[in-house]
Amino acid sequence: MTAFTLSSPASRTMLSIGALAVFSVLFTLGFACAVPLAAFAAISAMSFDRRTALLATGAVWLANQAIGFGFMHYPIDGETLAWGGALGVIALLSCEAAGLVTRHVRGVVGAGVAFLAAFVAYEGSLLLIDAAIGLLEHVDALGTLRIFLINACAFGGLWALKTIASSTRLGRRLTTGLSARHA
């Protein structure tokens, strides 16, 4: 039996993805359907290579769905399951949008634009679905602003944690190799 070690990049990556999934659970318990998937998608795109960012975003979405259906008693019907699946696809699209930005723009500006790209992809996709199924009359500017603020605060908090962690000795060991692999 092999002991868990932080010396391998795979261990550090899995620990980072696990931490994001745990934060997703906490956000799900606090916000239920308003979990900030765009924020998680942007942080994932900024932290990992493309494939791993998509895996991390998928893990965040899956943790959200597991808590929602398993503990928060989301209804198990076709509409709820379809929306859950759609949110997973939209989260991945948001990650891709943020990833496109992070591969071209670095620093604080890049982080801000990556978050905005993820949020626009997320909300834009939801608007397209609402338009396709005739629910545009239910679109609420204040509701969208609320979701934006939840995502912006979550992104800021996750980015701050990422920055603080990478400035500590243990954090540097955990994040070494993660941010540099944006290919």
Protein backbone atom coordinates (compact mmCIF):
# COMPACT_ATOMS: atom_id res chain seq x y z
CA MET A 1 0.00 0.00 0.00
CA THR A 2 1.42 3.36 -1.03
CA ALA A 3 1.14 6.36 1.28
CA PHE A 4 -0.35 9.56 -0.12
CA THR A 5 2.43 11.92 -1.08
CA LEU A 6 2.44 15.48 -2.37
CA SER A 7 5.63 14.88 -4.29
CA SER A 8 3.96 13.82 -7.50
CA PRO A 9 2.20 16.28 -9.81
CA ALA A 10 -0.75 13.88 -10.10
CA SER A 11 -1.24 13.89 -6.31
CA ARG A 12 -1.10 17.67 -6.17
CA THR A 13 -3.55 17.96 -9.06
CA MET A 14 -6.01 15.53 -7.48
CA LEU A 15 -5.75 17.35 -4.14
CA SER A 16 -6.48 20.67 -5.89
CA ILE A 17 -9.47 19.23 -7.75
CA GLY A 18 -10.72 17.70 -4.51
CA ALA A 19 -10.45 21.07 -2.77
CA LEU A 20 -12.52 22.70 -5.52
CA ALA A 21 -15.14 19.95 -5.20
CA VAL A 22 -15.29 20.50 -1.42
CA PHE A 23 -15.77 24.23 -1.96
CA SER A 24 -18.52 23.38 -4.44
CA VAL A 25 -20.28 21.34 -1.76
CA LEU A 26 -20.07 24.28 0.65
CA PHE A 27 -21.45 26.67 -1.97
CA THR A 28 -24.21 24.20 -2.85
CA LEU A 29 -25.26 23.98 0.78
CA GLY A 30 -25.29 27.78 0.98
CA PHE A 31 -26.75 28.73 -2.39
CA ALA A 32 -28.41 25.54 -3.74
CA CYS A 33 -29.22 26.32 -7.39
CA ALA A 34 -27.07 29.46 -7.42
CA VAL A 35 -23.75 27.66 -7.01
CA PRO A 36 -21.12 29.80 -8.79
CA LEU A 37 -20.17 27.40 -11.57
CA ALA A 38 -18.78 30.22 -13.74
CA ALA A 39 -16.39 31.19 -10.95
CA PHE A 40 -15.22 27.60 -10.54
CA ALA A 41 -14.83 27.26 -14.31
CA ALA A 42 -12.66 30.38 -14.46
CA ILE A 43 -10.48 29.31 -11.52
CA SER A 44 -10.06 25.86 -13.06
CA ALA A 45 -9.05 27.35 -16.41
CA MET A 46 -6.52 29.59 -14.65
CA SER A 47 -5.09 26.76 -12.54
CA PHE A 48 -4.77 23.77 -14.84
CA ASP A 49 -4.07 22.70 -18.39
CA ARG A 50 -7.15 22.47 -20.61
CA ARG A 51 -7.98 18.82 -20.01
CA THR A 52 -7.50 19.01 -16.25
CA ALA A 53 -9.48 22.26 -16.07
CA LEU A 54 -12.41 20.53 -17.75
CA LEU A 55 -12.04 17.57 -15.37
CA ALA A 56 -11.99 19.93 -12.36
CA THR A 57 -15.04 21.82 -13.61
CA GLY A 58 -16.84 18.52 -14.16
CA ALA A 59 -15.92 17.41 -10.62
CA VAL A 60 -17.30 20.67 -9.20
CA TRP A 61 -20.54 20.21 -11.16
CA LEU A 62 -20.80 16.55 -10.13
CA ALA A 63 -20.29 17.41 -6.43
CA ASN A 64 -23.01 20.06 -6.75
CA GLN A 65 -25.43 17.60 -8.33
CA ALA A 66 -24.65 14.84 -5.82
CA ILE A 67 -25.37 17.14 -2.87
CA GLY A 68 -28.43 18.61 -4.57
CA PHE A 69 -30.07 15.30 -5.40
CA GLY A 70 -28.66 13.29 -2.49
CA PHE A 71 -29.10 15.66 0.43
CA MET A 72 -31.11 18.71 -0.65
CA HIS A 73 -33.87 16.64 -2.20
CA TYR A 74 -33.92 18.16 -5.68
CA PRO A 75 -36.92 16.61 -7.44
CA ILE A 76 -36.02 13.60 -9.57
CA ASP A 77 -37.99 14.36 -12.71
CA GLY A 78 -37.16 14.84 -16.35
CA GLU A 79 -37.03 18.63 -16.22
CA THR A 80 -34.73 18.79 -13.19
CA LEU A 81 -32.43 16.11 -14.59
CA ALA A 82 -32.32 17.92 -17.95
CA TRP A 83 -31.44 21.22 -16.28
CA GLY A 84 -28.78 19.48 -14.21
CA GLY A 85 -27.21 18.01 -17.34
CA ALA A 86 -27.47 21.33 -19.15
CA LEU A 87 -25.70 23.08 -16.27
CA GLY A 88 -22.87 20.57 -16.56
CA VAL A 89 -22.44 21.25 -20.27
CA ILE A 90 -22.70 25.01 -19.69
CA ALA A 91 -20.07 24.83 -16.93
CA LEU A 92 -17.70 23.09 -19.35
CA LEU A 93 -18.40 25.74 -22.01
CA SER A 94 -17.67 28.41 -19.40
CA CYS A 95 -14.37 26.70 -18.62
CA GLU A 96 -13.49 26.68 -22.31
CA ALA A 97 -14.32 30.41 -22.61
CA ALA A 98 -12.13 31.23 -19.61
CA GLY A 99 -9.40 28.95 -20.95
CA LEU A 100 -9.29 30.80 -24.26
CA VAL A 101 -8.63 34.01 -22.35
CA THR A 102 -6.03 32.55 -19.97
CA ARG A 103 -4.01 31.21 -22.88
CA HIS A 104 -3.71 34.75 -24.30
CA VAL A 105 -3.93 37.24 -21.43
CA ARG A 106 -2.04 36.90 -18.15
CA GLY A 107 -2.02 38.67 -14.81
CA VAL A 108 -4.82 40.51 -13.06
CA VAL A 109 -6.38 41.66 -16.33
CA GLY A 110 -6.34 38.12 -17.66
CA ALA A 111 -7.97 36.81 -14.49
CA GLY A 112 -10.71 39.42 -14.65
CA VAL A 113 -11.37 38.84 -18.33
CA ALA A 114 -11.31 35.05 -17.83
CA PHE A 115 -13.97 35.37 -15.15
CA LEU A 116 -16.08 37.66 -17.32
CA ALA A 117 -15.75 35.28 -20.28
CA ALA A 118 -16.86 32.36 -18.12
CA PHE A 119 -19.80 34.32 -16.72
CA VAL A 120 -20.94 35.57 -20.14
CA ALA A 121 -20.71 32.04 -21.55
CA TYR A 122 -22.66 30.71 -18.56
CA GLU A 123 -25.44 33.28 -18.51
CA GLY A 124 -25.54 33.54 -22.32
CA SER A 125 -26.07 29.79 -22.59
CA LEU A 126 -28.84 29.91 -20.01
CA LEU A 127 -30.51 32.75 -21.94
CA LEU A 128 -30.32 30.74 -25.16
CA ILE A 129 -31.95 27.76 -23.47
CA ASP A 130 -34.62 30.00 -21.93
CA ALA A 131 -35.32 31.50 -25.36
CA ALA A 132 -35.50 28.07 -26.99
CA ILE A 133 -38.03 26.75 -24.50
CA GLY A 134 -40.01 29.98 -24.16
CA LEU A 135 -38.99 31.03 -20.67
CA LEU A 136 -37.55 34.47 -21.46
CA GLU A 137 -40.39 36.15 -19.58
CA HIS A 138 -38.92 34.60 -16.42
CA VAL A 139 -35.52 36.27 -16.96
CA ASP A 140 -34.96 38.78 -14.19
CA ALA A 141 -32.25 41.47 -14.31
CA LEU A 142 -32.00 41.57 -10.53
CA GLY A 143 -31.73 37.79 -10.41
CA THR A 144 -28.94 37.88 -12.99
CA LEU A 145 -27.18 40.61 -11.00
CA ARG A 146 -27.49 38.45 -7.87
CA ILE A 147 -25.95 35.48 -9.69
CA PHE A 148 -23.18 37.73 -11.04
CA LEU A 149 -22.38 39.02 -7.55
CA ILE A 150 -22.34 35.49 -6.09
CA ASN A 151 -19.99 34.38 -8.88
CA ALA A 152 -17.80 37.48 -8.59
CA CYS A 153 -17.44 37.08 -4.82
CA ALA A 154 -16.76 33.35 -5.16
CA PHE A 155 -14.20 33.99 -7.89
CA GLY A 156 -12.49 36.64 -5.78
CA GLY A 157 -12.40 34.34 -2.77
CA LEU A 158 -11.13 31.35 -4.72
CA TRP A 159 -8.51 33.49 -6.47
CA ALA A 160 -7.40 34.92 -3.11
CA LEU A 161 -7.09 31.41 -1.67
CA LYS A 162 -5.13 30.30 -4.74
CA THR A 163 -2.83 33.32 -4.42
CA ILE A 164 -2.31 32.87 -0.68
CA ALA A 165 -1.71 29.15 -1.05
CA SER A 166 0.84 29.67 -3.78
CA SER A 167 2.74 32.17 -1.61
CA THR A 168 3.25 29.71 1.27
CA ARG A 169 5.85 26.98 1.27
CA LEU A 170 3.27 24.18 1.28
CA GLY A 171 1.16 26.05 -1.25
CA ARG A 172 4.13 26.39 -3.60
CA ARG A 173 4.69 22.64 -3.32
CA LEU A 174 1.01 22.02 -4.09
CA THR A 175 0.78 24.42 -7.01
CA THR A 176 4.19 23.84 -8.60
CA GLY A 177 3.55 22.73 -12.12
CA LEU A 178 -0.19 23.40 -12.07
CA SER A 179 -0.28 26.98 -13.30
CA ALA A 180 2.56 26.52 -15.74
CA ARG A 181 0.71 23.86 -17.77
CA HIS A 182 -1.74 25.97 -19.78
CA ALA A 183 -1.11 24.23 -23.10
